[in-house]
Amino acid sequence: MLEAAAKACSASLLRKPPVNADIVYTFLQEHWGAVIGAAGLGLAVYQAWATRTHNRHSVRPLLNLGTSFRSGSRAGLLLTNVGLGPAAITKTILTFDGKPLGEFSERNVNIVRSIFEKERSIRPHATTLGSRGTRFLGKDYQEYLLFVEPYNSQEHQAFCDLVRNRIKLLIHYESLYGGEDFTEPHPHTRHPNEDDA
């Protein structure tokens, strides 16, 4: 008898009471404003996030370190900003023949230039990225960091080897928003726009 009572009790607990349509309709009528308000707030938060993400991408810099060796013109290590916004250079690391020299400053680049001049009697020209504070490179920036002019493939073969194999450069940068820590290394895989003359 106890078992039958327990089964009857558990069966009645498992049954759902019928849903009264009037109760649901009344609830929606009374709370419809809150439901629409919550949906509107959710949409506004999403839109703010999407706008912020879009704005960050709208000013994202994209630096490219590469080499260009065209006979008769300026040739060497080329830095370009092909992104949509300016780049803030936060840190540079220059390595020569496997030895870290520090940042890509006038002092350290002159060390490389002097060594190369002693070895090959050629002193390449240089543009440095500064040694104090953050330097901003505008959109469409393009500058040779280490170069000879005019380039001659027979005369400057050692310079070509210097730029491609003996120098390593790592540039850390960020957008105007800051905090991203993008990097651009040299050397990396060859770009299809590199020309050998």
C-alpha atoms as a PDB file:
ATOM      1  CA  MET A   1       0.000   0.000   0.000  1.00  0.00           C
ATOM      2  CA  LEU A   2       2.845   2.350   0.791  1.00  0.00           C
ATOM      3  CA  GLU A   3       4.377   1.665  -2.570  1.00  0.00           C
ATOM      4  CA  ALA A   4       1.160   2.525  -4.379  1.00  0.00           C
ATOM      5  CA  ALA A   5       0.880   5.818  -2.488  1.00  0.00           C
ATOM      6  CA  ALA A   6       4.511   6.703  -3.306  1.00  0.00           C
ATOM      7  CA  LYS A   7       3.962   5.994  -7.003  1.00  0.00           C
ATOM      8  CA  ALA A   8       0.804   8.099  -7.076  1.00  0.00           C
ATOM      9  CA  CYS A   9       2.574  10.968  -5.345  1.00  0.00           C
ATOM     10  CA  SER A  10       5.569  10.888  -7.700  1.00  0.00           C
ATOM     11  CA  ALA A  11       3.301  10.662 -10.768  1.00  0.00           C
ATOM     12  CA  SER A  12       1.372  13.746  -9.656  1.00  0.00           C
ATOM     13  CA  LEU A  13       4.643  15.660  -9.144  1.00  0.00           C
ATOM     14  CA  LEU A  14       5.870  14.802 -12.647  1.00  0.00           C
ATOM     15  CA  ARG A  15       2.710  16.077 -14.342  1.00  0.00           C
ATOM     16  CA  LYS A  16       2.880  19.714 -15.425  1.00  0.00           C
ATOM     17  CA  PRO A  17      -0.069  21.901 -14.690  1.00  0.00           C
ATOM     18  CA  PRO A  18      -1.806  23.182 -17.811  1.00  0.00           C
ATOM     19  CA  VAL A  19      -0.553  26.587 -19.030  1.00  0.00           C
ATOM     20  CA  ASN A  20      -3.216  29.194 -18.875  1.00  0.00           C
ATOM     21  CA  ALA A  21      -2.987  31.385 -22.023  1.00  0.00           C
ATOM     22  CA  ASP A  22      -4.526  34.297 -20.168  1.00  0.00           C
ATOM     23  CA  ILE A  23      -1.691  34.302 -17.644  1.00  0.00           C
ATOM     24  CA  VAL A  24       0.984  34.409 -20.397  1.00  0.00           C
ATOM     25  CA  TYR A  25      -0.870  37.132 -22.310  1.00  0.00           C
ATOM     26  CA  THR A  26      -1.280  39.207 -19.167  1.00  0.00           C
ATOM     27  CA  PHE A  27       2.413  38.810 -18.269  1.00  0.00           C
ATOM     28  CA  LEU A  28       3.497  39.962 -21.737  1.00  0.00           C
ATOM     29  CA  GLN A  29       1.132  42.934 -21.631  1.00  0.00           C
ATOM     30  CA  GLU A  30       2.432  44.046 -18.268  1.00  0.00           C
ATOM     31  CA  HIS A  31       6.146  43.497 -19.036  1.00  0.00           C
ATOM     32  CA  TRP A  32       6.350  44.195 -22.784  1.00  0.00           C
ATOM     33  CA  GLY A  33       8.040  47.560 -22.218  1.00  0.00           C
ATOM     34  CA  ALA A  34      10.760  45.940 -20.128  1.00  0.00           C
ATOM     35  CA  VAL A  35      11.337  43.245 -22.785  1.00  0.00           C
ATOM     36  CA  ILE A  36      11.708  45.874 -25.531  1.00  0.00           C
ATOM     37  CA  GLY A  37      13.928  48.000 -23.283  1.00  0.00           C
ATOM     38  CA  ALA A  38      16.234  45.060 -22.547  1.00  0.00           C
ATOM     39  CA  ALA A  39      16.459  44.214 -26.266  1.00  0.00           C
ATOM     40  CA  GLY A  40      17.253  47.864 -27.071  1.00  0.00           C
ATOM     41  CA  LEU A  41      19.956  48.008 -24.399  1.00  0.00           C
ATOM     42  CA  GLY A  42      21.516  44.799 -25.718  1.00  0.00           C
ATOM     43  CA  LEU A  43      21.525  46.185 -29.266  1.00  0.00           C
ATOM     44  CA  ALA A  44      23.092  49.469 -28.103  1.00  0.00           C
ATOM     45  CA  VAL A  45      25.893  47.630 -26.263  1.00  0.00           C
ATOM     46  CA  TYR A  46      26.593  45.471 -29.322  1.00  0.00           C
ATOM     47  CA  GLN A  47      26.621  48.516 -31.615  1.00  0.00           C
ATOM     48  CA  ALA A  48      29.088  50.335 -29.336  1.00  0.00           C
ATOM     49  CA  TRP A  49      31.393  47.307 -29.370  1.00  0.00           C
ATOM     50  CA  ALA A  50      31.151  46.985 -33.170  1.00  0.00           C
ATOM     51  CA  THR A  51      31.879  50.707 -33.667  1.00  0.00           C
ATOM     52  CA  ARG A  52      34.907  50.576 -31.378  1.00  0.00           C
ATOM     53  CA  THR A  53      36.271  47.525 -33.193  1.00  0.00           C
ATOM     54  CA  HIS A  54      35.713  49.211 -36.560  1.00  0.00           C
ATOM     55  CA  ASN A  55      37.458  52.392 -35.402  1.00  0.00           C
ATOM     56  CA  ARG A  56      40.495  50.413 -34.215  1.00  0.00           C
ATOM     57  CA  HIS A  57      40.766  48.707 -37.596  1.00  0.00           C
ATOM     58  CA  SER A  58      40.296  52.026 -39.387  1.00  0.00           C
ATOM     59  CA  VAL A  59      43.564  53.382 -37.987  1.00  0.00           C
ATOM     60  CA  ARG A  60      45.610  50.167 -37.801  1.00  0.00           C
ATOM     61  CA  PRO A  61      49.140  50.606 -39.128  1.00  0.00           C
ATOM     62  CA  LEU A  62      50.903  47.833 -41.021  1.00  0.00           C
ATOM     63  CA  LEU A  63      54.666  48.145 -41.314  1.00  0.00           C
ATOM     64  CA  ASN A  64      56.651  46.249 -43.901  1.00  0.00           C
ATOM     65  CA  LEU A  65      60.425  45.839 -43.806  1.00  0.00           C
ATOM     66  CA  GLY A  66      61.825  44.635 -47.083  1.00  0.00           C
ATOM     67  CA  THR A  67      64.670  45.041 -49.506  1.00  0.00           C
ATOM     68  CA  SER A  68      64.815  46.588 -52.930  1.00  0.00           C
ATOM     69  CA  PHE A  69      67.802  46.296 -55.264  1.00  0.00           C
ATOM     70  CA  ARG A  70      67.193  48.033 -58.600  1.00  0.00           C
ATOM     71  CA  SER A  71      70.181  49.054 -60.700  1.00  0.00           C
ATOM     72  CA  GLY A  72      70.642  52.775 -61.129  1.00  0.00           C
ATOM     73  CA  SER A  73      68.433  53.840 -58.202  1.00  0.00           C
ATOM     74  CA  ARG A  74      68.412  53.878 -54.406  1.00  0.00           C
ATOM     75  CA  ALA A  75      68.617  50.338 -53.009  1.00  0.00           C
ATOM     76  CA  GLY A  76      68.714  48.686 -49.602  1.00  0.00           C
ATOM     77  CA  LEU A  77      66.530  48.095 -46.541  1.00  0.00           C
ATOM     78  CA  LEU A  78      63.131  49.732 -47.040  1.00  0.00           C
ATOM     79  CA  LEU A  79      60.501  50.469 -44.355  1.00  0.00           C
ATOM     80  CA  THR A  80      56.930  51.257 -45.448  1.00  0.00           C
ATOM     81  CA  ASN A  81      53.640  51.782 -43.634  1.00  0.00           C
ATOM     82  CA  VAL A  82      50.966  50.230 -45.831  1.00  0.00           C
ATOM     83  CA  GLY A  83      48.277  50.371 -43.141  1.00  0.00           C
ATOM     84  CA  LEU A  84      45.367  52.758 -42.729  1.00  0.00           C
ATOM     85  CA  GLY A  85      46.815  54.800 -39.861  1.00  0.00           C
ATOM     86  CA  PRO A  86      50.074  56.036 -38.365  1.00  0.00           C
ATOM     87  CA  ALA A  87      52.431  53.681 -36.551  1.00  0.00           C
ATOM     88  CA  ALA A  88      53.950  54.505 -33.177  1.00  0.00           C
ATOM     89  CA  ILE A  89      57.393  52.875 -32.998  1.00  0.00           C
ATOM     90  CA  THR A  90      57.852  51.723 -29.407  1.00  0.00           C
ATOM     91  CA  LYS A  91      61.031  49.650 -29.634  1.00  0.00           C
ATOM     92  CA  THR A  92      63.647  48.512 -32.148  1.00  0.00           C
ATOM     93  CA  ILE A  93      66.278  45.788 -31.870  1.00  0.00           C
ATOM     94  CA  LEU A  94      69.282  45.772 -34.227  1.00  0.00           C
ATOM     95  CA  THR A  95      71.531  42.717 -34.594  1.00  0.00           C
ATOM     96  CA  PHE A  96      74.701  42.626 -36.710  1.00  0.00           C
ATOM     97  CA  ASP A  97      76.484  39.343 -37.485  1.00  0.00           C
ATOM     98  CA  GLY A  98      74.521  37.680 -34.683  1.00  0.00           C
ATOM     99  CA  LYS A  99      75.577  40.269 -32.086  1.00  0.00           C
ATOM    100  CA  PRO A 100      72.793  42.417 -30.554  1.00  0.00           C
ATOM    101  CA  LEU A 101      73.673  46.119 -30.796  1.00  0.00           C
ATOM    102  CA  GLY A 102      70.537  47.588 -29.206  1.00  0.00           C
ATOM    103  CA  GLU A 103      68.045  49.938 -30.783  1.00  0.00           C
ATOM    104  CA  PHE A 104      68.171  51.138 -34.389  1.00  0.00           C
ATOM    105  CA  SER A 105      69.700  54.483 -33.406  1.00  0.00           C
ATOM    106  CA  GLU A 106      72.307  56.676 -35.074  1.00  0.00           C
ATOM    107  CA  ARG A 107      75.025  55.401 -32.730  1.00  0.00           C
ATOM    108  CA  ASN A 108      74.357  51.707 -33.421  1.00  0.00           C
ATOM    109  CA  VAL A 109      73.827  52.134 -37.156  1.00  0.00           C
ATOM    110  CA  ASN A 110      77.124  54.034 -37.378  1.00  0.00           C
ATOM    111  CA  ILE A 111      78.845  51.019 -35.816  1.00  0.00           C
ATOM    112  CA  VAL A 112      77.498  48.833 -38.648  1.00  0.00           C
ATOM    113  CA  ARG A 113      78.388  51.435 -41.272  1.00  0.00           C
ATOM    114  CA  SER A 114      81.961  51.821 -39.941  1.00  0.00           C
ATOM    115  CA  ILE A 115      82.605  48.073 -39.844  1.00  0.00           C
ATOM    116  CA  PHE A 116      81.244  47.673 -43.351  1.00  0.00           C
ATOM    117  CA  GLU A 117      83.289  50.644 -44.593  1.00  0.00           C
ATOM    118  CA  LYS A 118      86.486  49.067 -43.211  1.00  0.00           C
ATOM    119  CA  GLU A 119      85.648  45.733 -44.857  1.00  0.00           C
ATOM    120  CA  ARG A 120      84.457  46.973 -48.245  1.00  0.00           C
ATOM    121  CA  SER A 121      85.344  50.681 -48.578  1.00  0.00           C
ATOM    122  CA  ILE A 122      81.641  51.466 -48.986  1.00  0.00           C
ATOM    123  CA  ARG A 123      79.793  53.564 -46.403  1.00  0.00           C
ATOM    124  CA  PRO A 124      76.041  53.115 -46.880  1.00  0.00           C
ATOM    125  CA  HIS A 125      73.636  55.964 -46.114  1.00  0.00           C
ATOM    126  CA  ALA A 126      71.233  55.566 -43.200  1.00  0.00           C
ATOM    127  CA  THR A 127      67.961  56.872 -41.791  1.00  0.00           C
ATOM    128  CA  THR A 128      67.453  55.970 -38.145  1.00  0.00           C
ATOM    129  CA  LEU A 129      64.316  55.642 -36.072  1.00  0.00           C
ATOM    130  CA  GLY A 130      65.564  57.765 -33.174  1.00  0.00           C
ATOM    131  CA  SER A 131      66.670  56.813 -29.706  1.00  0.00           C
ATOM    132  CA  ARG A 132      64.357  58.794 -27.417  1.00  0.00           C
ATOM    133  CA  GLY A 133      60.640  58.463 -26.982  1.00  0.00           C
ATOM    134  CA  THR A 134      58.081  57.199 -29.429  1.00  0.00           C
ATOM    135  CA  ARG A 135      58.392  58.020 -33.115  1.00  0.00           C
ATOM    136  CA  PHE A 136      55.294  58.191 -35.291  1.00  0.00           C
ATOM    137  CA  LEU A 137      55.377  57.083 -38.913  1.00  0.00           C
ATOM    138  CA  GLY A 138      52.498  58.480 -40.937  1.00  0.00           C
ATOM    139  CA  LYS A 139      50.223  56.585 -43.242  1.00  0.00           C
ATOM    140  CA  ASP A 140      52.001  55.925 -46.578  1.00  0.00           C
ATOM    141  CA  TYR A 141      55.441  56.407 -44.923  1.00  0.00           C
ATOM    142  CA  GLN A 142      58.244  55.012 -47.066  1.00  0.00           C
ATOM    143  CA  GLU A 143      61.933  55.375 -46.293  1.00  0.00           C
ATOM    144  CA  TYR A 144      65.152  53.462 -46.867  1.00  0.00           C
ATOM    145  CA  LEU A 145      66.766  52.754 -43.505  1.00  0.00           C
ATOM    146  CA  LEU A 146      70.111  51.623 -44.945  1.00  0.00           C
ATOM    147  CA  PHE A 147      70.912  52.250 -48.605  1.00  0.00           C
ATOM    148  CA  VAL A 148      73.359  52.985 -51.406  1.00  0.00           C
ATOM    149  CA  GLU A 149      72.622  55.244 -54.360  1.00  0.00           C
ATOM    150  CA  PRO A 150      72.877  54.562 -57.256  1.00  0.00           C
ATOM    151  CA  TYR A 151      72.924  50.794 -56.890  1.00  0.00           C
ATOM    152  CA  ASN A 152      75.207  48.735 -59.126  1.00  0.00           C
ATOM    153  CA  SER A 153      74.886  44.962 -58.807  1.00  0.00           C
ATOM    154  CA  GLN A 154      78.639  44.313 -59.434  1.00  0.00           C
ATOM    155  CA  GLU A 155      79.930  47.081 -57.146  1.00  0.00           C
ATOM    156  CA  HIS A 156      77.422  46.598 -54.334  1.00  0.00           C
ATOM    157  CA  GLN A 157      77.116  42.812 -54.082  1.00  0.00           C
ATOM    158  CA  ALA A 158      78.648  42.911 -50.579  1.00  0.00           C
ATOM    159  CA  PHE A 159      76.119  45.570 -49.539  1.00  0.00           C
ATOM    160  CA  CYS A 160      73.316  43.347 -50.813  1.00  0.00           C
ATOM    161  CA  ASP A 161      74.707  40.506 -48.664  1.00  0.00           C
ATOM    162  CA  LEU A 162      74.979  42.887 -45.681  1.00  0.00           C
ATOM    163  CA  VAL A 163      71.328  43.887 -45.881  1.00  0.00           C
ATOM    164  CA  ARG A 164      69.966  40.433 -46.613  1.00  0.00           C
ATOM    165  CA  ASN A 165      72.112  38.240 -44.373  1.00  0.00           C
ATOM    166  CA  ARG A 166      74.169  40.139 -41.787  1.00  0.00           C
ATOM    167  CA  ILE A 167      71.658  42.644 -40.389  1.00  0.00           C
ATOM    168  CA  LYS A 168      68.575  41.701 -38.404  1.00  0.00           C
ATOM    169  CA  LEU A 169      66.047  44.274 -37.283  1.00  0.00           C
ATOM    170  CA  LEU A 170      62.895  43.876 -35.213  1.00  0.00           C
ATOM    171  CA  ILE A 171      60.461  46.786 -34.940  1.00  0.00           C
ATOM    172  CA  HIS A 172      57.767  46.901 -32.246  1.00  0.00           C
ATOM    173  CA  TYR A 173      54.904  49.301 -32.966  1.00  0.00           C
ATOM    174  CA  GLU A 174      51.288  50.078 -32.165  1.00  0.00           C
ATOM    175  CA  SER A 175      48.366  52.149 -33.439  1.00  0.00           C
ATOM    176  CA  LEU A 176      47.112  55.434 -32.027  1.00  0.00           C
ATOM    177  CA  TYR A 177      44.963  53.437 -29.591  1.00  0.00           C
ATOM    178  CA  GLY A 178      48.066  51.744 -28.179  1.00  0.00           C
ATOM    179  CA  GLY A 179      48.694  48.470 -26.403  1.00  0.00           C
ATOM    180  CA  GLU A 180      48.757  46.124 -29.412  1.00  0.00           C
ATOM    181  CA  ASP A 181      52.556  45.500 -29.671  1.00  0.00           C
ATOM    182  CA  PHE A 182      52.682  44.598 -33.364  1.00  0.00           C
ATOM    183  CA  THR A 183      56.094  43.474 -34.664  1.00  0.00           C
ATOM    184  CA  GLU A 184      57.823  43.534 -38.039  1.00  0.00           C
ATOM    185  CA  PRO A 185      61.055  41.515 -38.455  1.00  0.00           C
ATOM    186  CA  HIS A 186      63.830  41.663 -41.024  1.00  0.00           C
ATOM    187  CA  PRO A 187      64.724  39.352 -42.604  1.00  0.00           C
ATOM    188  CA  HIS A 188      61.640  37.266 -43.152  1.00  0.00           C
ATOM    189  CA  THR A 189      60.372  35.338 -46.134  1.00  0.00           C
ATOM    190  CA  ARG A 190      61.059  37.058 -49.411  1.00  0.00           C
ATOM    191  CA  HIS A 191      58.375  39.310 -50.761  1.00  0.00           C
ATOM    192  CA  PRO A 192      57.327  38.911 -54.385  1.00  0.00           C
ATOM    193  CA  ASN A 193      58.046  42.626 -55.055  1.00  0.00           C
ATOM    194  CA  GLU A 194      61.778  42.268 -54.363  1.00  0.00           C
ATOM    195  CA  ASP A 195      63.896  42.769 -57.442  1.00  0.00           C
ATOM    196  CA  ASP A 196      67.460  41.701 -58.020  1.00  0.00           C
ATOM    197  CA  ALA A 197      69.255  43.648 -60.661  1.00  0.00           C
END
